[in-house]
Amino acid sequence: MLVDAVRSGASPGTIHRLDARAAPLPMGFFHYSTHAFSVTEAVELARSLDQLPAHLVVYGIEGANFAAGVELSPEVERAVEAVVGRLAKEVRAVVDNFT
């Protein structure tokens, strides 16, 4: 599982859940990055090299302000807490399937 900030035009704090195994990630979704590669570029490179993991869920949290040093907005903070809860449930489900 992977979590990153996105800007798709939705309201700040909107949570996007994408199954990267089911379909390519939207190219413009994860373009706000301090890395040389965006999340989309890294995932799609792995896909093209046939190196995607068996399961890859990507959560995108719609950001409000992408300026350096700016704190999270209240909407984004709530979304982060919600995603943490979802991740915990998904990880428990995966673990339960292997035990």
C-alpha atoms as a PDB file:
ATOM      1  CA  MET A   1       0.000   0.000   0.000  1.00  0.00           C
ATOM      2  CA  LEU A   2       1.125   3.481  -0.767  1.00  0.00           C
ATOM      3  CA  VAL A   3      -0.211   6.899   0.281  1.00  0.00           C
ATOM      4  CA  ASP A   4       0.527  10.261  -1.324  1.00  0.00           C
ATOM      5  CA  ALA A   5      -0.958  13.704  -1.849  1.00  0.00           C
ATOM      6  CA  VAL A   6      -2.915  14.339  -5.049  1.00  0.00           C
ATOM      7  CA  ARG A   7      -4.449  17.230  -6.906  1.00  0.00           C
ATOM      8  CA  SER A   8      -7.291  16.144  -9.174  1.00  0.00           C
ATOM      9  CA  GLY A   9      -9.673  19.045  -8.729  1.00  0.00           C
ATOM     10  CA  ALA A  10     -11.718  17.366  -5.990  1.00  0.00           C
ATOM     11  CA  SER A  11     -12.282  19.033  -2.631  1.00  0.00           C
ATOM     12  CA  PRO A  12      -9.356  19.048  -0.166  1.00  0.00           C
ATOM     13  CA  GLY A  13      -9.449  15.951   2.010  1.00  0.00           C
ATOM     14  CA  THR A  14     -11.098  13.778  -0.641  1.00  0.00           C
ATOM     15  CA  ILE A  15      -9.739  10.246  -0.427  1.00  0.00           C
ATOM     16  CA  HIS A  16      -9.021   8.325  -3.619  1.00  0.00           C
ATOM     17  CA  ARG A  17      -8.410   4.563  -3.462  1.00  0.00           C
ATOM     18  CA  LEU A  18      -6.854   3.051  -6.567  1.00  0.00           C
ATOM     19  CA  ASP A  19      -6.009  -0.575  -7.288  1.00  0.00           C
ATOM     20  CA  ALA A  20      -2.800  -0.248  -9.294  1.00  0.00           C
ATOM     21  CA  ARG A  21      -3.019  -3.894 -10.385  1.00  0.00           C
ATOM     22  CA  ALA A  22      -6.445  -3.343 -11.952  1.00  0.00           C
ATOM     23  CA  ALA A  23      -5.646  -0.258 -14.043  1.00  0.00           C
ATOM     24  CA  PRO A  24      -2.910   2.312 -14.705  1.00  0.00           C
ATOM     25  CA  LEU A  25      -2.801   5.266 -12.326  1.00  0.00           C
ATOM     26  CA  PRO A  26      -3.971   8.619 -13.715  1.00  0.00           C
ATOM     27  CA  MET A  27      -0.887  10.484 -14.989  1.00  0.00           C
ATOM     28  CA  GLY A  28      -1.701  13.935 -13.587  1.00  0.00           C
ATOM     29  CA  PHE A  29      -2.915  12.704 -10.210  1.00  0.00           C
ATOM     30  CA  PHE A  30       0.346  12.397  -8.272  1.00  0.00           C
ATOM     31  CA  HIS A  31       2.450  15.108  -9.908  1.00  0.00           C
ATOM     32  CA  TYR A  32       3.139  17.096  -6.739  1.00  0.00           C
ATOM     33  CA  SER A  33       6.311  15.419  -5.579  1.00  0.00           C
ATOM     34  CA  THR A  34       9.698  16.360  -4.201  1.00  0.00           C
ATOM     35  CA  HIS A  35      11.102  13.225  -5.828  1.00  0.00           C
ATOM     36  CA  ALA A  36      12.562  12.897  -9.321  1.00  0.00           C
ATOM     37  CA  PHE A  37       9.750  10.447 -10.198  1.00  0.00           C
ATOM     38  CA  SER A  38       6.099  10.861  -9.340  1.00  0.00           C
ATOM     39  CA  VAL A  39       4.208   7.976  -7.752  1.00  0.00           C
ATOM     40  CA  THR A  40       2.441   7.371 -11.063  1.00  0.00           C
ATOM     41  CA  GLU A  41       5.710   7.251 -12.992  1.00  0.00           C
ATOM     42  CA  ALA A  42       7.269   4.825 -10.502  1.00  0.00           C
ATOM     43  CA  VAL A  43       4.245   2.509 -10.478  1.00  0.00           C
ATOM     44  CA  GLU A  44       3.881   2.554 -14.254  1.00  0.00           C
ATOM     45  CA  LEU A  45       7.605   1.898 -14.708  1.00  0.00           C
ATOM     46  CA  ALA A  46       7.249  -1.124 -12.425  1.00  0.00           C
ATOM     47  CA  ARG A  47       4.238  -2.238 -14.491  1.00  0.00           C
ATOM     48  CA  SER A  48       6.178  -1.913 -17.757  1.00  0.00           C
ATOM     49  CA  LEU A  49       9.033  -3.959 -16.257  1.00  0.00           C
ATOM     50  CA  ASP A  50       6.540  -6.569 -14.994  1.00  0.00           C
ATOM     51  CA  GLN A  51       7.636  -5.799 -11.424  1.00  0.00           C
ATOM     52  CA  LEU A  52       4.391  -4.709  -9.752  1.00  0.00           C
ATOM     53  CA  PRO A  53       3.731  -6.516  -6.485  1.00  0.00           C
ATOM     54  CA  ALA A  54       0.847  -9.003  -6.377  1.00  0.00           C
ATOM     55  CA  HIS A  55      -1.282  -6.388  -4.597  1.00  0.00           C
ATOM     56  CA  LEU A  56      -0.809  -2.626  -4.818  1.00  0.00           C
ATOM     57  CA  VAL A  57      -3.398  -0.267  -3.435  1.00  0.00           C
ATOM     58  CA  VAL A  58      -2.637   3.428  -3.752  1.00  0.00           C
ATOM     59  CA  TYR A  59      -4.406   6.008  -1.615  1.00  0.00           C
ATOM     60  CA  GLY A  60      -4.383   9.610  -2.758  1.00  0.00           C
ATOM     61  CA  ILE A  61      -5.434  12.365  -0.385  1.00  0.00           C
ATOM     62  CA  GLU A  62      -6.539  15.545  -2.098  1.00  0.00           C
ATOM     63  CA  GLY A  63      -4.338  18.365  -0.876  1.00  0.00           C
ATOM     64  CA  ALA A  64      -5.335  21.943  -0.148  1.00  0.00           C
ATOM     65  CA  ASN A  65      -2.019  23.796  -0.384  1.00  0.00           C
ATOM     66  CA  PHE A  66       1.179  22.385  -1.870  1.00  0.00           C
ATOM     67  CA  ALA A  67       3.535  25.198  -0.866  1.00  0.00           C
ATOM     68  CA  ALA A  68       6.653  24.168   1.057  1.00  0.00           C
ATOM     69  CA  GLY A  69       6.380  24.424   4.826  1.00  0.00           C
ATOM     70  CA  VAL A  70       2.594  24.769   4.929  1.00  0.00           C
ATOM     71  CA  GLU A  71       0.764  22.723   7.561  1.00  0.00           C
ATOM     72  CA  LEU A  72      -2.008  20.314   6.651  1.00  0.00           C
ATOM     73  CA  SER A  73      -5.482  21.776   6.396  1.00  0.00           C
ATOM     74  CA  PRO A  74      -8.101  20.409   8.830  1.00  0.00           C
ATOM     75  CA  GLU A  75      -9.786  18.528   5.950  1.00  0.00           C
ATOM     76  CA  VAL A  76      -6.530  16.864   4.966  1.00  0.00           C
ATOM     77  CA  GLU A  77      -5.701  15.986   8.597  1.00  0.00           C
ATOM     78  CA  ARG A  78      -9.084  14.252   8.940  1.00  0.00           C
ATOM     79  CA  ALA A  79      -8.486  12.401   5.679  1.00  0.00           C
ATOM     80  CA  VAL A  80      -5.059  11.242   6.876  1.00  0.00           C
ATOM     81  CA  GLU A  81      -6.646   9.820  10.042  1.00  0.00           C
ATOM     82  CA  ALA A  82      -9.334   8.085   7.958  1.00  0.00           C
ATOM     83  CA  VAL A  83      -6.747   6.563   5.610  1.00  0.00           C
ATOM     84  CA  VAL A  84      -4.699   5.286   8.557  1.00  0.00           C
ATOM     85  CA  GLY A  85      -7.836   3.496   9.782  1.00  0.00           C
ATOM     86  CA  ARG A  86      -8.507   2.042   6.332  1.00  0.00           C
ATOM     87  CA  LEU A  87      -4.898   0.900   5.988  1.00  0.00           C
ATOM     88  CA  ALA A  88      -5.050  -0.867   9.344  1.00  0.00           C
ATOM     89  CA  LYS A  89      -8.197  -2.757   8.250  1.00  0.00           C
ATOM     90  CA  GLU A  90      -6.695  -3.699   4.897  1.00  0.00           C
ATOM     91  CA  VAL A  91      -3.450  -4.904   6.465  1.00  0.00           C
ATOM     92  CA  ARG A  92      -5.409  -6.976   9.021  1.00  0.00           C
ATOM     93  CA  ALA A  93      -7.431  -8.538   6.177  1.00  0.00           C
ATOM     94  CA  VAL A  94      -4.271  -9.475   4.291  1.00  0.00           C
ATOM     95  CA  VAL A  95      -2.681 -10.936   7.422  1.00  0.00           C
ATOM     96  CA  ASP A  96      -5.867 -12.899   8.195  1.00  0.00           C
ATOM     97  CA  ASN A  97      -5.760 -14.399   4.685  1.00  0.00           C
ATOM     98  CA  PHE A  98      -2.241 -15.708   5.297  1.00  0.00           C
ATOM     99  CA  THR A  99      -2.890 -17.219   8.733  1.00  0.00           C
END
